[in-house]
């Protein structure tokens, strides 16, 4: 009976994928953009709150929280693709209190390390109807950067979009290792809501997982291992509706970045 159920599920998923393949590529990308951002040219805000751990051998050690905000603007192109610009603002916070860390106690070396506030971007790129994103070398630290999207649905009301980013950035100096960057976002939305074509944004939840090299500021030296982050959040069509923790951090620490958001995300 279990085998029959599994076969039925596999058939349903294959059927859903076949239906997705029949959709016009530009329409399929439009659906993706309406989930991961906004299709009307307005600013969307993707927030995630999660735990970063160091993975050394078989052990994982939680180190701190990562509260990330990705602000984005999407504009449809004549070829069916989208011009995009994103800006990410990241806070590293205490595991329990979510208070911003000015210094962090590295448990591996027993040393207090200054913690930077990280801003990445603004970064422009193009999403093609093939669901592959392209960015200029100047915005990928000179490394090959792969970014791609997919959308799938099964029976029921769930639609999932995945955004995958992979890169290995060359060492900035001979004494430093290359930086590996592998990050995946999974967005879950309602098929019924997506079917309303007048919606510029479809409400969704998002899960983030990544595998990254140690950040240079962590002062891990040549210690073997990687970091992983697991995080959850949402995409909002109005940055003013960010969770209170994010709004408070932005008010105290992010105004220099966010006060010029409209200008920085101009396309």
C-alpha atoms as a PDB file:
ATOM      1  CA  UNK A   1       0.000   0.000   0.000  1.00  0.00           C
ATOM      2  CA  UNK A   2       2.876   2.361   0.813  1.00  0.00           C
ATOM      3  CA  UNK A   3       4.474   1.559  -2.518  1.00  0.00           C
ATOM      4  CA  UNK A   4       1.236   2.391  -4.317  1.00  0.00           C
ATOM      5  CA  UNK A   5       0.949   5.705  -2.458  1.00  0.00           C
ATOM      6  CA  UNK A   6       4.534   6.584  -3.316  1.00  0.00           C
ATOM      7  CA  UNK A   7       3.938   5.734  -6.967  1.00  0.00           C
ATOM      8  CA  UNK A   8       0.832   7.917  -6.987  1.00  0.00           C
ATOM      9  CA  UNK A   9       2.734  10.827  -5.460  1.00  0.00           C
ATOM     10  CA  UNK A  10       5.525  10.453  -7.996  1.00  0.00           C
ATOM     11  CA  UNK A  11       2.982  10.418 -10.826  1.00  0.00           C
ATOM     12  CA  UNK A  12       1.294  13.557  -9.478  1.00  0.00           C
ATOM     13  CA  UNK A  13       4.631  15.368  -9.255  1.00  0.00           C
ATOM     14  CA  UNK A  14       5.587  14.299 -12.783  1.00  0.00           C
ATOM     15  CA  UNK A  15       2.217  15.534 -14.022  1.00  0.00           C
ATOM     16  CA  UNK A  16       2.662  18.858 -12.223  1.00  0.00           C
ATOM     17  CA  UNK A  17       6.120  19.259 -13.727  1.00  0.00           C
ATOM     18  CA  UNK A  18       4.750  18.475 -17.179  1.00  0.00           C
ATOM     19  CA  UNK A  19       2.097  21.151 -16.720  1.00  0.00           C
ATOM     20  CA  UNK A  20       4.783  23.612 -15.596  1.00  0.00           C
ATOM     21  CA  UNK A  21       6.856  22.814 -18.677  1.00  0.00           C
ATOM     22  CA  UNK A  22       3.897  23.767 -20.866  1.00  0.00           C
ATOM     23  CA  UNK A  23       3.697  27.276 -19.387  1.00  0.00           C
ATOM     24  CA  UNK A  24       5.153  30.094 -21.431  1.00  0.00           C
ATOM     25  CA  UNK A  25       8.692  30.756 -20.060  1.00  0.00           C
ATOM     26  CA  UNK A  26       7.963  34.459 -19.537  1.00  0.00           C
ATOM     27  CA  UNK A  27       4.783  33.631 -17.600  1.00  0.00           C
ATOM     28  CA  UNK A  28       6.657  31.069 -15.495  1.00  0.00           C
ATOM     29  CA  UNK A  29       9.279  33.668 -14.606  1.00  0.00           C
ATOM     30  CA  UNK A  30       6.549  36.187 -13.858  1.00  0.00           C
ATOM     31  CA  UNK A  31       5.093  33.710 -11.338  1.00  0.00           C
ATOM     32  CA  UNK A  32       8.501  33.296  -9.711  1.00  0.00           C
ATOM     33  CA  UNK A  33       9.030  37.042  -9.421  1.00  0.00           C
ATOM     34  CA  UNK A  34       5.588  37.524  -7.889  1.00  0.00           C
ATOM     35  CA  UNK A  35       6.628  35.097  -5.142  1.00  0.00           C
ATOM     36  CA  UNK A  36      10.252  36.123  -4.483  1.00  0.00           C
ATOM     37  CA  UNK A  37       9.590  39.852  -4.936  1.00  0.00           C
ATOM     38  CA  UNK A  38       7.198  42.193  -6.719  1.00  0.00           C
ATOM     39  CA  UNK A  39       6.369  42.256 -10.421  1.00  0.00           C
ATOM     40  CA  UNK A  40       5.189  45.872 -10.429  1.00  0.00           C
ATOM     41  CA  UNK A  41       8.580  47.523  -9.892  1.00  0.00           C
ATOM     42  CA  UNK A  42       8.031  48.185  -6.191  1.00  0.00           C
ATOM     43  CA  UNK A  43      10.428  47.277  -3.389  1.00  0.00           C
ATOM     44  CA  UNK A  44      10.042  43.912  -1.663  1.00  0.00           C
ATOM     45  CA  UNK A  45      11.745  42.869   1.574  1.00  0.00           C
ATOM     46  CA  UNK A  46      12.823  39.267   2.287  1.00  0.00           C
ATOM     47  CA  UNK A  47      13.703  38.671   5.932  1.00  0.00           C
ATOM     48  CA  UNK A  48      15.204  35.536   7.463  1.00  0.00           C
ATOM     49  CA  UNK A  49      16.163  34.752  11.049  1.00  0.00           C
ATOM     50  CA  UNK A  50      18.393  31.764  11.701  1.00  0.00           C
ATOM     51  CA  UNK A  51      21.333  30.149  13.444  1.00  0.00           C
ATOM     52  CA  UNK A  52      24.864  29.926  12.069  1.00  0.00           C
ATOM     53  CA  UNK A  53      26.895  26.911  13.179  1.00  0.00           C
ATOM     54  CA  UNK A  54      30.504  25.895  12.678  1.00  0.00           C
ATOM     55  CA  UNK A  55      30.935  22.349  11.390  1.00  0.00           C
ATOM     56  CA  UNK A  56      34.261  20.758  12.275  1.00  0.00           C
ATOM     57  CA  UNK A  57      34.502  17.044  11.622  1.00  0.00           C
ATOM     58  CA  UNK A  58      31.341  15.388  12.932  1.00  0.00           C
ATOM     59  CA  UNK A  59      30.460  18.233  15.355  1.00  0.00           C
ATOM     60  CA  UNK A  60      28.263  21.275  14.775  1.00  0.00           C
ATOM     61  CA  UNK A  61      28.610  24.223  17.175  1.00  0.00           C
ATOM     62  CA  UNK A  62      25.963  27.014  17.104  1.00  0.00           C
ATOM     63  CA  UNK A  63      27.783  30.348  17.157  1.00  0.00           C
ATOM     64  CA  UNK A  64      25.329  33.214  16.665  1.00  0.00           C
ATOM     65  CA  UNK A  65      22.162  34.285  14.885  1.00  0.00           C
ATOM     66  CA  UNK A  66      22.065  35.816  11.427  1.00  0.00           C
ATOM     67  CA  UNK A  67      19.224  38.264  10.799  1.00  0.00           C
ATOM     68  CA  UNK A  68      19.197  39.056   7.094  1.00  0.00           C
ATOM     69  CA  UNK A  69      17.133  41.424   4.990  1.00  0.00           C
ATOM     70  CA  UNK A  70      17.223  41.320   1.197  1.00  0.00           C
ATOM     71  CA  UNK A  71      15.572  44.311  -0.433  1.00  0.00           C
ATOM     72  CA  UNK A  72      14.800  43.888  -4.126  1.00  0.00           C
ATOM     73  CA  UNK A  73      13.303  45.586  -7.132  1.00  0.00           C
ATOM     74  CA  UNK A  74      12.296  43.726 -10.311  1.00  0.00           C
ATOM     75  CA  UNK A  75      11.469  45.273 -13.686  1.00  0.00           C
ATOM     76  CA  UNK A  76      10.176  43.292 -16.646  1.00  0.00           C
ATOM     77  CA  UNK A  77      12.272  43.336 -19.809  1.00  0.00           C
ATOM     78  CA  UNK A  78      11.061  43.290 -23.413  1.00  0.00           C
ATOM     79  CA  UNK A  79      12.598  39.820 -23.885  1.00  0.00           C
ATOM     80  CA  UNK A  80      10.461  38.330 -21.093  1.00  0.00           C
ATOM     81  CA  UNK A  81      13.228  38.433 -18.492  1.00  0.00           C
ATOM     82  CA  UNK A  82      13.632  40.758 -15.516  1.00  0.00           C
ATOM     83  CA  UNK A  83      16.167  43.378 -14.553  1.00  0.00           C
ATOM     84  CA  UNK A  84      16.803  43.045 -10.816  1.00  0.00           C
ATOM     85  CA  UNK A  85      18.732  44.921  -8.165  1.00  0.00           C
ATOM     86  CA  UNK A  86      19.128  43.659  -4.590  1.00  0.00           C
ATOM     87  CA  UNK A  87      20.619  45.026  -1.377  1.00  0.00           C
ATOM     88  CA  UNK A  88      21.265  42.811   1.652  1.00  0.00           C
ATOM     89  CA  UNK A  89      21.646  44.087   5.200  1.00  0.00           C
ATOM     90  CA  UNK A  90      22.860  41.527   7.753  1.00  0.00           C
ATOM     91  CA  UNK A  91      23.002  41.658  11.544  1.00  0.00           C
ATOM     92  CA  UNK A  92      24.917  39.092  13.614  1.00  0.00           C
ATOM     93  CA  UNK A  93      23.185  38.739  16.976  1.00  0.00           C
ATOM     94  CA  UNK A  94      23.218  36.793  20.236  1.00  0.00           C
ATOM     95  CA  UNK A  95      21.736  33.311  19.938  1.00  0.00           C
ATOM     96  CA  UNK A  96      19.090  33.847  22.614  1.00  0.00           C
ATOM     97  CA  UNK A  97      18.430  37.574  22.931  1.00  0.00           C
ATOM     98  CA  UNK A  98      18.880  38.666  19.295  1.00  0.00           C
ATOM     99  CA  UNK A  99      20.848  41.644  20.583  1.00  0.00           C
ATOM    100  CA  UNK A 100      23.356  42.981  18.073  1.00  0.00           C
ATOM    101  CA  UNK A 101      26.880  41.674  18.659  1.00  0.00           C
ATOM    102  CA  UNK A 102      29.637  44.271  18.738  1.00  0.00           C
ATOM    103  CA  UNK A 103      32.150  41.565  19.652  1.00  0.00           C
ATOM    104  CA  UNK A 104      31.863  37.795  19.551  1.00  0.00           C
ATOM    105  CA  UNK A 105      33.713  35.250  21.679  1.00  0.00           C
ATOM    106  CA  UNK A 106      35.271  32.726  19.287  1.00  0.00           C
ATOM    107  CA  UNK A 107      34.987  29.449  21.236  1.00  0.00           C
ATOM    108  CA  UNK A 108      37.718  27.760  19.198  1.00  0.00           C
ATOM    109  CA  UNK A 109      40.462  30.278  19.933  1.00  0.00           C
ATOM    110  CA  UNK A 110      39.105  31.826  23.141  1.00  0.00           C
ATOM    111  CA  UNK A 111      39.367  35.346  21.732  1.00  0.00           C
ATOM    112  CA  UNK A 112      36.911  38.254  21.459  1.00  0.00           C
ATOM    113  CA  UNK A 113      36.490  39.202  17.801  1.00  0.00           C
ATOM    114  CA  UNK A 114      34.998  42.486  16.467  1.00  0.00           C
ATOM    115  CA  UNK A 115      31.773  41.788  14.567  1.00  0.00           C
ATOM    116  CA  UNK A 116      31.036  43.854  11.441  1.00  0.00           C
ATOM    117  CA  UNK A 117      27.629  44.962  10.245  1.00  0.00           C
ATOM    118  CA  UNK A 118      27.447  43.597   6.724  1.00  0.00           C
ATOM    119  CA  UNK A 119      25.893  45.308   3.716  1.00  0.00           C
ATOM    120  CA  UNK A 120      26.061  43.567   0.344  1.00  0.00           C
ATOM    121  CA  UNK A 121      25.170  45.493  -2.795  1.00  0.00           C
ATOM    122  CA  UNK A 122      23.360  47.073  -4.378  1.00  0.00           C
ATOM    123  CA  UNK A 123      23.852  44.258  -6.887  1.00  0.00           C
ATOM    124  CA  UNK A 124      22.202  44.332 -10.333  1.00  0.00           C
ATOM    125  CA  UNK A 125      21.569  41.220 -12.410  1.00  0.00           C
ATOM    126  CA  UNK A 126      19.254  39.884 -15.097  1.00  0.00           C
ATOM    127  CA  UNK A 127      16.974  36.838 -14.793  1.00  0.00           C
ATOM    128  CA  UNK A 128      16.484  35.232 -18.196  1.00  0.00           C
ATOM    129  CA  UNK A 129      13.279  33.384 -19.198  1.00  0.00           C
ATOM    130  CA  UNK A 130      15.439  30.234 -18.902  1.00  0.00           C
ATOM    131  CA  UNK A 131      15.364  30.964 -15.112  1.00  0.00           C
ATOM    132  CA  UNK A 132      19.129  31.524 -15.003  1.00  0.00           C
ATOM    133  CA  UNK A 133      20.433  34.799 -13.562  1.00  0.00           C
ATOM    134  CA  UNK A 134      23.406  36.623 -15.048  1.00  0.00           C
ATOM    135  CA  UNK A 135      25.527  39.255 -13.331  1.00  0.00           C
ATOM    136  CA  UNK A 136      28.584  41.187 -14.407  1.00  0.00           C
ATOM    137  CA  UNK A 137      31.964  40.013 -13.099  1.00  0.00           C
ATOM    138  CA  UNK A 138      32.285  43.277 -11.161  1.00  0.00           C
ATOM    139  CA  UNK A 139      29.416  42.114  -8.938  1.00  0.00           C
ATOM    140  CA  UNK A 140      30.699  38.587  -8.245  1.00  0.00           C
ATOM    141  CA  UNK A 141      34.154  39.338  -6.812  1.00  0.00           C
ATOM    142  CA  UNK A 142      35.678  38.182 -10.075  1.00  0.00           C
ATOM    143  CA  UNK A 143      34.470  34.596  -9.564  1.00  0.00           C
ATOM    144  CA  UNK A 144      32.074  32.484 -11.557  1.00  0.00           C
ATOM    145  CA  UNK A 145      28.693  32.947  -9.908  1.00  0.00           C
ATOM    146  CA  UNK A 146      25.779  30.624 -10.670  1.00  0.00           C
ATOM    147  CA  UNK A 147      22.236  31.656  -9.768  1.00  0.00           C
ATOM    148  CA  UNK A 148      19.167  29.782 -10.922  1.00  0.00           C
ATOM    149  CA  UNK A 149      15.469  29.404 -10.143  1.00  0.00           C
ATOM    150  CA  UNK A 150      12.856  26.669 -10.317  1.00  0.00           C
ATOM    151  CA  UNK A 151       9.136  26.428  -9.608  1.00  0.00           C
ATOM    152  CA  UNK A 152       7.200  23.259  -8.828  1.00  0.00           C
ATOM    153  CA  UNK A 153       3.806  22.256  -7.505  1.00  0.00           C
ATOM    154  CA  UNK A 154       2.100  19.007  -6.574  1.00  0.00           C
ATOM    155  CA  UNK A 155      -1.542  18.180  -5.911  1.00  0.00           C
ATOM    156  CA  UNK A 156      -3.038  20.616  -3.446  1.00  0.00           C
ATOM    157  CA  UNK A 157      -2.468  24.315  -2.984  1.00  0.00           C
ATOM    158  CA  UNK A 158       1.304  24.412  -2.437  1.00  0.00           C
ATOM    159  CA  UNK A 159       3.715  26.005  -4.883  1.00  0.00           C
ATOM    160  CA  UNK A 160       7.461  25.993  -4.229  1.00  0.00           C
ATOM    161  CA  UNK A 161      10.105  28.230  -5.753  1.00  0.00           C
ATOM    162  CA  UNK A 162      13.792  27.552  -5.225  1.00  0.00           C
ATOM    163  CA  UNK A 163      16.612  30.044  -5.663  1.00  0.00           C
ATOM    164  CA  UNK A 164      20.104  28.510  -5.714  1.00  0.00           C
ATOM    165  CA  UNK A 165      23.358  30.484  -5.585  1.00  0.00           C
ATOM    166  CA  UNK A 166      26.789  28.896  -5.894  1.00  0.00           C
ATOM    167  CA  UNK A 167      30.237  30.458  -6.126  1.00  0.00           C
ATOM    168  CA  UNK A 168      33.841  29.961  -5.085  1.00  0.00           C
ATOM    169  CA  UNK A 169      35.608  33.311  -4.677  1.00  0.00           C
ATOM    170  CA  UNK A 170      39.383  33.321  -5.148  1.00  0.00           C
ATOM    171  CA  UNK A 171      41.545  34.167  -2.113  1.00  0.00           C
ATOM    172  CA  UNK A 172      41.881  37.935  -1.584  1.00  0.00           C
ATOM    173  CA  UNK A 173      45.472  37.357  -0.419  1.00  0.00           C
ATOM    174  CA  UNK A 174      48.001  34.524  -0.524  1.00  0.00           C
ATOM    175  CA  UNK A 175      47.584  33.910   3.193  1.00  0.00           C
ATOM    176  CA  UNK A 176      43.806  33.473   2.966  1.00  0.00           C
ATOM    177  CA  UNK A 177      41.787  30.520   1.593  1.00  0.00           C
ATOM    178  CA  UNK A 178      39.200  30.707  -1.177  1.00  0.00           C
ATOM    179  CA  UNK A 179      35.674  31.530  -0.023  1.00  0.00           C
ATOM    180  CA  UNK A 180      32.979  28.984  -0.849  1.00  0.00           C
ATOM    181  CA  UNK A 181      29.406  30.277  -1.096  1.00  0.00           C
ATOM    182  CA  UNK A 182      26.481  27.857  -1.554  1.00  0.00           C
ATOM    183  CA  UNK A 183      23.028  29.119  -0.587  1.00  0.00           C
ATOM    184  CA  UNK A 184      19.492  27.927  -1.230  1.00  0.00           C
ATOM    185  CA  UNK A 185      16.154  29.606  -0.559  1.00  0.00           C
ATOM    186  CA  UNK A 186      12.861  27.705  -0.725  1.00  0.00           C
ATOM    187  CA  UNK A 187       9.682  29.785  -0.990  1.00  0.00           C
ATOM    188  CA  UNK A 188       6.233  28.297  -0.295  1.00  0.00           C
ATOM    189  CA  UNK A 189       3.135  30.042  -1.620  1.00  0.00           C
ATOM    190  CA  UNK A 190      -0.507  29.335  -2.443  1.00  0.00           C
ATOM    191  CA  UNK A 191      -1.374  28.137  -5.947  1.00  0.00           C
ATOM    192  CA  UNK A 192      -4.811  29.771  -5.631  1.00  0.00           C
ATOM    193  CA  UNK A 193      -3.240  33.116  -4.724  1.00  0.00           C
ATOM    194  CA  UNK A 194      -0.741  32.784  -7.568  1.00  0.00           C
ATOM    195  CA  UNK A 195      -3.606  32.222 -10.014  1.00  0.00           C
ATOM    196  CA  UNK A 196      -4.837  35.777  -9.365  1.00  0.00           C
ATOM    197  CA  UNK A 197      -2.811  37.425 -12.118  1.00  0.00           C
ATOM    198  CA  UNK A 198      -3.517  40.947 -10.820  1.00  0.00           C
ATOM    199  CA  UNK A 199      -1.401  40.238  -7.713  1.00  0.00           C
ATOM    200  CA  UNK A 200       1.974  41.916  -8.014  1.00  0.00           C
ATOM    201  CA  UNK A 201       3.169  39.902  -5.000  1.00  0.00           C
ATOM    202  CA  UNK A 202       1.968  36.550  -3.680  1.00  0.00           C
ATOM    203  CA  UNK A 203       2.448  36.096   0.099  1.00  0.00           C
ATOM    204  CA  UNK A 204       4.936  33.359   0.939  1.00  0.00           C
ATOM    205  CA  UNK A 205       7.141  31.912   3.630  1.00  0.00           C
ATOM    206  CA  UNK A 206      10.813  31.218   2.983  1.00  0.00           C
ATOM    207  CA  UNK A 207      13.412  28.786   4.313  1.00  0.00           C
ATOM    208  CA  UNK A 208      17.137  29.431   3.859  1.00  0.00           C
ATOM    209  CA  UNK A 209      20.012  26.976   4.101  1.00  0.00           C
ATOM    210  CA  UNK A 210      23.607  27.640   3.196  1.00  0.00           C
ATOM    211  CA  UNK A 211      27.094  26.190   3.395  1.00  0.00           C
ATOM    212  CA  UNK A 212      29.796  28.851   3.517  1.00  0.00           C
ATOM    213  CA  UNK A 213      33.454  29.034   4.321  1.00  0.00           C
ATOM    214  CA  UNK A 214      34.427  30.789   7.536  1.00  0.00           C
ATOM    215  CA  UNK A 215      34.084  34.532   7.179  1.00  0.00           C
ATOM    216  CA  UNK A 216      37.522  36.208   7.412  1.00  0.00           C
ATOM    217  CA  UNK A 217      36.480  38.334  10.392  1.00  0.00           C
ATOM    218  CA  UNK A 218      35.792  35.175  12.446  1.00  0.00           C
ATOM    219  CA  UNK A 219      39.583  34.608  12.672  1.00  0.00           C
ATOM    220  CA  UNK A 220      39.361  30.845  12.192  1.00  0.00           C
ATOM    221  CA  UNK A 221      42.728  30.815  10.453  1.00  0.00           C
ATOM    222  CA  UNK A 222      43.411  27.533   8.667  1.00  0.00           C
ATOM    223  CA  UNK A 223      41.076  25.529  10.924  1.00  0.00           C
ATOM    224  CA  UNK A 224      39.243  22.937   8.773  1.00  0.00           C
ATOM    225  CA  UNK A 225      35.482  23.113   8.517  1.00  0.00           C
ATOM    226  CA  UNK A 226      32.603  25.175   7.161  1.00  0.00           C
ATOM    227  CA  UNK A 227      29.626  27.102   8.458  1.00  0.00           C
ATOM    228  CA  UNK A 228      25.981  26.305   7.878  1.00  0.00           C
ATOM    229  CA  UNK A 229      22.957  28.502   8.432  1.00  0.00           C
ATOM    230  CA  UNK A 230      19.356  27.400   8.751  1.00  0.00           C
ATOM    231  CA  UNK A 231      16.800  30.201   8.760  1.00  0.00           C
ATOM    232  CA  UNK A 232      13.133  30.978   8.257  1.00  0.00           C
ATOM    233  CA  UNK A 233      11.234  34.079   7.234  1.00  0.00           C
ATOM    234  CA  UNK A 234       8.881  35.733   4.759  1.00  0.00           C
ATOM    235  CA  UNK A 235       8.807  37.983   1.721  1.00  0.00           C
ATOM    236  CA  UNK A 236       6.882  41.231   2.224  1.00  0.00           C
ATOM    237  CA  UNK A 237       5.636  43.745  -0.324  1.00  0.00           C
ATOM    238  CA  UNK A 238       6.072  46.545   2.214  1.00  0.00           C
ATOM    239  CA  UNK A 239       9.344  46.915   4.203  1.00  0.00           C
ATOM    240  CA  UNK A 240       7.408  48.784   6.906  1.00  0.00           C
ATOM    241  CA  UNK A 241       5.845  45.425   7.907  1.00  0.00           C
ATOM    242  CA  UNK A 242       9.141  43.811   8.920  1.00  0.00           C
ATOM    243  CA  UNK A 243       9.081  42.038  12.322  1.00  0.00           C
ATOM    244  CA  UNK A 244       9.618  44.299  15.350  1.00  0.00           C
ATOM    245  CA  UNK A 245      13.127  42.917  16.007  1.00  0.00           C
ATOM    246  CA  UNK A 246      14.239  43.948  12.526  1.00  0.00           C
ATOM    247  CA  UNK A 247      12.552  47.348  12.713  1.00  0.00           C
ATOM    248  CA  UNK A 248      14.262  48.089  16.026  1.00  0.00           C
ATOM    249  CA  UNK A 249      17.696  47.050  14.709  1.00  0.00           C
ATOM    250  CA  UNK A 250      17.171  49.082  11.551  1.00  0.00           C
ATOM    251  CA  UNK A 251      16.143  52.160  13.522  1.00  0.00           C
ATOM    252  CA  UNK A 252      19.270  52.011  15.652  1.00  0.00           C
ATOM    253  CA  UNK A 253      21.858  50.598  13.251  1.00  0.00           C
ATOM    254  CA  UNK A 254      20.556  50.551   9.677  1.00  0.00           C
ATOM    255  CA  UNK A 255      19.257  54.018   8.897  1.00  0.00           C
ATOM    256  CA  UNK A 256      22.377  55.071   7.005  1.00  0.00           C
ATOM    257  CA  UNK A 257      21.735  52.207   4.573  1.00  0.00           C
ATOM    258  CA  UNK A 258      17.956  52.154   4.409  1.00  0.00           C
ATOM    259  CA  UNK A 259      17.244  55.893   4.240  1.00  0.00           C
ATOM    260  CA  UNK A 260      18.581  55.826   0.680  1.00  0.00           C
ATOM    261  CA  UNK A 261      16.859  52.602  -0.339  1.00  0.00           C
ATOM    262  CA  UNK A 262      14.836  54.060  -3.216  1.00  0.00           C
ATOM    263  CA  UNK A 263      17.972  55.530  -4.757  1.00  0.00           C
ATOM    264  CA  UNK A 264      20.099  52.438  -4.194  1.00  0.00           C
ATOM    265  CA  UNK A 265      17.512  50.166  -5.798  1.00  0.00           C
ATOM    266  CA  UNK A 266      16.943  52.347  -8.833  1.00  0.00           C
ATOM    267  CA  UNK A 267      16.865  50.433 -12.133  1.00  0.00           C
END
